[in-house]
Amino acid sequence: MRIDILTIFPEIFTPLDVSIVKRAKEKGLVEIKIWNLRDFTKDKHKKVDDEPYGGGRGMVLKCQPIFDGVERIKKENKEGKVILTSPQGIIFNQQLAKKLSKEKGLIIICGHYEGVDERVLSICDYEISIGDYILTGGELPAMVITDCIVRLIPGVLPEDAPVYESFERYLLDWPCYTRPANFKGMEVPKILLSGDHEKIKKWRIQKAIERTKEKRPDLYRKFLKMGVKDG
């Protein structure tokens, strides 16, 4: 997969050069390229924003640099689906991440300032938000979306790893423990020390269900709609 990110702050994206994403790039499973939106402006001041028509607070990202930037990127990422990070977008979740991970390429436009000229939506396939809160810009959402998608690309993680993670099948993860078995009087559940892998598997699934029911009843309701019996 190839992921291109169009931003006015390319220096922010250093987290994509470490850990799992770095290893995925080194394996050749994903190519990530960061583009500076200012490189596509047509004035000597490299201006990417302007005041909104009709007045009001803040500045708006202009059409021209974004249109020209996406057009240039598409010469290399021909089949890339275009995503705009925006508070007005659909909420990003694991199911959407799985869908996007199957695409051949993605082009992410980082929103910023008061917003983006509405005409930019005409070249977008998705408008995505990572939650109901306001950030300084779309760079952090772009990194969240990229990180989440990359780890779902086949070969990035062990084959069965994503199946047992939080939010798969609308369940949170089960409780996890490591050594020591007793810390300040708090003991690891004995079943995890039993060596009986079938019982451990059943215990983990039941605890995941109980935890989801307690902490995320919204996800628990979706889990029940899948036709899986509780317990």
Protein backbone atom coordinates (compact mmCIF):
# COMPACT_ATOMS: atom_id res chain seq x y z
CA MET A 1 0.00 0.00 0.00
CA ARG A 2 1.04 3.57 -0.58
CA ILE A 3 -0.07 6.44 1.69
CA ASP A 4 0.54 10.09 0.75
CA ILE A 5 -0.10 12.86 3.27
CA LEU A 6 -0.57 16.50 2.21
CA THR A 7 0.14 18.96 5.04
CA ILE A 8 1.49 22.41 5.90
CA PHE A 9 3.56 20.88 8.73
CA PRO A 10 5.55 17.95 7.26
CA GLU A 11 8.01 18.04 10.16
CA ILE A 12 5.32 16.74 12.55
CA PHE A 13 5.25 13.24 11.11
CA THR A 14 8.33 11.75 12.82
CA PRO A 15 6.18 9.23 14.80
CA LEU A 16 5.67 7.40 11.50
CA ASP A 17 9.41 6.65 11.45
CA VAL A 18 9.41 4.39 14.52
CA SER A 19 8.03 1.09 15.82
CA ILE A 20 5.59 -1.02 13.78
CA VAL A 21 5.11 1.56 11.01
CA LYS A 22 8.87 1.83 10.53
CA ARG A 23 9.21 -1.94 10.29
CA ALA A 24 6.34 -2.11 7.79
CA LYS A 25 8.14 0.44 5.60
CA GLU A 26 11.43 -1.45 5.89
CA LYS A 27 9.68 -4.66 4.79
CA GLY A 28 8.26 -2.87 1.77
CA LEU A 29 4.68 -3.48 2.91
CA VAL A 30 3.80 0.23 2.90
CA GLU A 31 5.24 3.36 1.37
CA ILE A 32 4.50 6.65 3.13
CA LYS A 33 5.32 10.00 1.57
CA ILE A 34 4.77 13.41 3.18
CA TRP A 35 4.07 16.37 0.89
CA ASN A 36 4.31 20.06 1.83
CA LEU A 37 1.17 21.88 0.74
CA ARG A 38 3.13 25.12 0.41
CA ASP A 39 5.08 23.60 -2.50
CA PHE A 40 1.90 23.82 -4.58
CA THR A 41 1.12 27.50 -4.05
CA LYS A 42 1.52 30.00 -6.89
CA ASP A 43 2.55 33.13 -5.01
CA LYS A 44 5.97 34.08 -3.69
CA HIS A 45 4.79 34.08 -0.06
CA LYS A 46 3.67 30.41 -0.25
CA LYS A 47 0.25 31.39 1.07
CA VAL A 48 -2.09 28.43 1.58
CA ASP A 49 -4.98 30.19 3.35
CA ASP A 50 -7.20 33.25 3.07
CA GLU A 51 -10.06 35.01 4.84
CA PRO A 52 -13.50 33.40 4.47
CA TYR A 53 -16.07 34.95 2.14
CA GLY A 54 -18.87 36.50 4.19
CA GLY A 55 -16.54 37.38 7.04
CA GLY A 56 -15.95 35.60 10.31
CA ARG A 57 -13.10 34.37 12.45
CA GLY A 58 -10.10 32.40 11.32
CA MET A 59 -8.60 31.50 7.98
CA VAL A 60 -9.62 28.92 5.38
CA LEU A 61 -7.31 26.62 3.41
CA LYS A 62 -7.49 27.55 -0.27
CA CYS A 63 -8.61 25.29 -3.10
CA GLN A 64 -5.77 25.80 -5.54
CA PRO A 65 -2.83 24.33 -3.57
CA ILE A 66 -4.90 21.32 -2.49
CA PHE A 67 -6.26 20.59 -5.98
CA ASP A 68 -2.82 20.93 -7.54
CA GLY A 69 -1.21 18.89 -4.76
CA VAL A 70 -3.65 16.00 -5.12
CA GLU A 71 -3.30 16.10 -8.90
CA ARG A 72 0.48 15.84 -8.58
CA ILE A 73 0.28 13.03 -6.00
CA LYS A 74 -2.12 11.06 -8.22
CA LYS A 75 0.60 10.82 -10.84
CA GLU A 76 2.41 8.49 -8.43
CA ASN A 77 -0.50 7.11 -6.38
CA LYS A 78 -2.94 6.63 -9.25
CA GLU A 79 -5.51 4.54 -7.37
CA GLY A 80 -5.25 6.39 -4.07
CA LYS A 81 -8.54 7.13 -2.34
CA VAL A 82 -8.61 10.74 -1.13
CA ILE A 83 -9.35 11.41 2.56
CA LEU A 84 -9.93 14.82 4.15
CA THR A 85 -9.46 14.98 7.93
CA SER A 86 -12.34 17.08 9.24
CA PRO A 87 -14.53 17.49 12.36
CA GLN A 88 -17.54 17.10 10.03
CA GLY A 89 -16.43 13.68 8.80
CA ILE A 90 -17.62 10.20 9.71
CA ILE A 91 -16.10 8.90 12.93
CA PHE A 92 -13.07 6.70 12.36
CA ASN A 93 -13.30 3.22 13.86
CA GLN A 94 -11.80 -0.25 13.49
CA GLN A 95 -14.31 -1.33 10.87
CA LEU A 96 -13.49 1.66 8.65
CA ALA A 97 -9.78 1.05 9.21
CA LYS A 98 -10.17 -2.55 7.97
CA LYS A 99 -12.00 -1.32 4.88
CA LEU A 100 -9.33 1.27 4.08
CA SER A 101 -6.51 -1.21 4.69
CA LYS A 102 -7.72 -3.12 1.63
CA GLU A 103 -7.23 -0.13 -0.67
CA LYS A 104 -4.19 0.02 -2.95
CA GLY A 105 -3.44 3.57 -1.90
CA LEU A 106 -4.59 6.51 0.21
CA ILE A 107 -4.08 10.27 -0.07
CA ILE A 108 -4.75 12.13 3.18
CA ILE A 109 -5.35 15.90 3.15
CA CYS A 110 -4.72 17.45 6.56
CA GLY A 111 -7.35 20.05 7.34
CA HIS A 112 -6.27 23.14 9.29
CA TYR A 113 -7.23 26.62 10.54
CA GLU A 114 -10.96 27.41 10.54
CA GLY A 115 -11.58 24.86 7.80
CA VAL A 116 -11.03 23.94 4.18
CA ASP A 117 -12.72 25.51 1.16
CA GLU A 118 -15.88 23.45 0.64
CA ARG A 119 -15.02 22.80 -3.01
CA VAL A 120 -12.18 20.50 -1.90
CA LEU A 121 -14.84 17.90 -1.03
CA SER A 122 -15.45 17.42 -4.76
CA ILE A 123 -12.14 15.51 -5.03
CA CYS A 124 -12.48 13.54 -1.78
CA ASP A 125 -13.68 9.97 -1.38
CA TYR A 126 -13.89 10.19 2.42
CA GLU A 127 -14.24 12.92 5.04
CA ILE A 128 -13.05 11.47 8.35
CA SER A 129 -12.99 12.62 11.98
CA ILE A 130 -11.21 10.77 14.79
CA GLY A 131 -13.61 12.05 17.47
CA ASP A 132 -15.96 14.75 18.68
CA TYR A 133 -13.34 17.28 19.76
CA ILE A 134 -11.29 20.01 18.09
CA LEU A 135 -7.57 19.74 17.37
CA THR A 136 -5.15 22.36 16.07
CA GLY A 137 -5.03 20.64 12.70
CA GLY A 138 -5.44 17.43 10.77
CA GLU A 139 -1.90 16.16 11.24
CA LEU A 140 -2.58 14.12 14.38
CA PRO A 141 -5.71 12.53 12.85
CA ALA A 142 -3.68 11.69 9.73
CA MET A 143 -1.12 9.90 11.90
CA VAL A 144 -3.82 8.05 13.87
CA ILE A 145 -5.50 6.89 10.65
CA THR A 146 -2.17 5.86 9.11
CA ASP A 147 -0.97 3.94 12.18
CA CYS A 148 -4.26 2.09 12.56
CA ILE A 149 -4.41 1.11 8.89
CA VAL A 150 -0.77 0.08 8.52
CA ARG A 151 -0.95 -2.49 11.33
CA LEU A 152 -3.85 -4.18 9.49
CA ILE A 153 -1.89 -4.69 6.26
CA PRO A 154 -1.12 -8.41 5.84
CA GLY A 155 2.39 -9.22 6.99
CA VAL A 156 2.82 -6.24 9.29
CA LEU A 157 1.70 -8.12 12.42
CA PRO A 158 1.62 -11.86 13.16
CA GLU A 159 -1.20 -13.48 11.20
CA ASP A 160 -3.67 -13.89 14.07
CA ALA A 161 -2.75 -10.76 16.06
CA PRO A 162 -5.50 -8.34 14.87
CA VAL A 163 -8.22 -10.97 15.51
CA TYR A 164 -7.76 -10.75 19.29
CA GLU A 165 -7.39 -7.00 19.68
CA SER A 166 -9.77 -4.49 21.23
CA PHE A 167 -12.74 -3.50 19.05
CA GLU A 168 -12.60 -6.64 16.93
CA ARG A 169 -16.09 -8.15 17.09
CA TYR A 170 -17.03 -5.02 19.11
CA LEU A 171 -15.23 -6.32 22.21
CA LEU A 172 -12.62 -4.67 24.39
CA ASP A 173 -9.52 -6.66 25.24
CA TRP A 174 -9.37 -9.04 28.17
CA PRO A 175 -7.29 -8.35 31.34
CA CYS A 176 -3.56 -8.89 30.86
CA TYR A 177 -0.90 -9.78 33.45
CA THR A 178 2.82 -10.53 33.52
CA ARG A 179 5.44 -11.40 36.16
CA PRO A 180 5.47 -11.34 39.15
CA ALA A 181 2.48 -13.56 39.91
CA ASN A 182 1.97 -11.71 43.21
CA PHE A 183 2.63 -7.98 43.47
CA LYS A 184 1.83 -6.21 46.75
CA GLY A 185 -0.79 -8.84 47.52
CA MET A 186 -2.45 -8.55 44.11
CA GLU A 187 -2.38 -12.01 42.52
CA VAL A 188 -2.66 -13.06 38.91
CA PRO A 189 -5.85 -15.16 38.34
CA LYS A 190 -4.91 -18.79 38.93
CA ILE A 191 -6.42 -19.94 35.64
CA LEU A 192 -3.71 -18.02 33.76
CA LEU A 193 -1.07 -20.07 35.59
CA SER A 194 -2.83 -23.39 35.00
CA GLY A 195 -1.35 -24.20 31.60
CA ASP A 196 -4.81 -25.26 30.37
CA HIS A 197 -4.96 -23.24 27.16
CA GLU A 198 -8.55 -24.13 26.31
CA LYS A 199 -9.81 -22.91 29.69
CA ILE A 200 -7.63 -19.80 29.44
CA LYS A 201 -9.12 -19.02 26.02
CA LYS A 202 -12.69 -19.33 27.36
CA TRP A 203 -11.81 -17.22 30.43
CA ARG A 204 -10.36 -14.46 28.26
CA ILE A 205 -13.39 -14.32 25.98
CA GLN A 206 -15.75 -14.17 28.96
CA LYS A 207 -13.71 -11.42 30.61
CA ALA A 208 -13.66 -9.44 27.36
CA ILE A 209 -17.46 -9.66 27.22
CA GLU A 210 -17.83 -8.63 30.87
CA ARG A 211 -15.40 -5.73 30.47
CA THR A 212 -17.18 -4.46 27.35
CA LYS A 213 -20.58 -4.70 29.04
CA GLU A 214 -19.30 -2.68 32.00
CA LYS A 215 -17.14 -0.06 30.27
CA ARG A 216 -18.63 0.28 26.79
CA PRO A 217 -22.33 -0.68 26.77
CA ASP A 218 -22.62 0.86 23.30
CA LEU A 219 -20.14 -1.68 21.93
CA TYR A 220 -21.74 -4.45 23.96
CA ARG A 221 -25.09 -3.82 22.26
CA LYS A 222 -23.40 -4.12 18.87
CA PHE A 223 -21.73 -7.32 20.01
CA LEU A 224 -25.11 -8.81 20.94
CA LYS A 225 -26.53 -7.84 17.55
CA MET A 226 -23.94 -10.12 15.95
CA GLY A 227 -25.94 -13.02 17.35
CA VAL A 228 -23.27 -14.10 19.84
CA LYS A 229 -24.63 -15.30 23.16
CA ASP A 230 -23.32 -13.63 26.31
CA GLY A 231 -21.56 -16.32 28.32
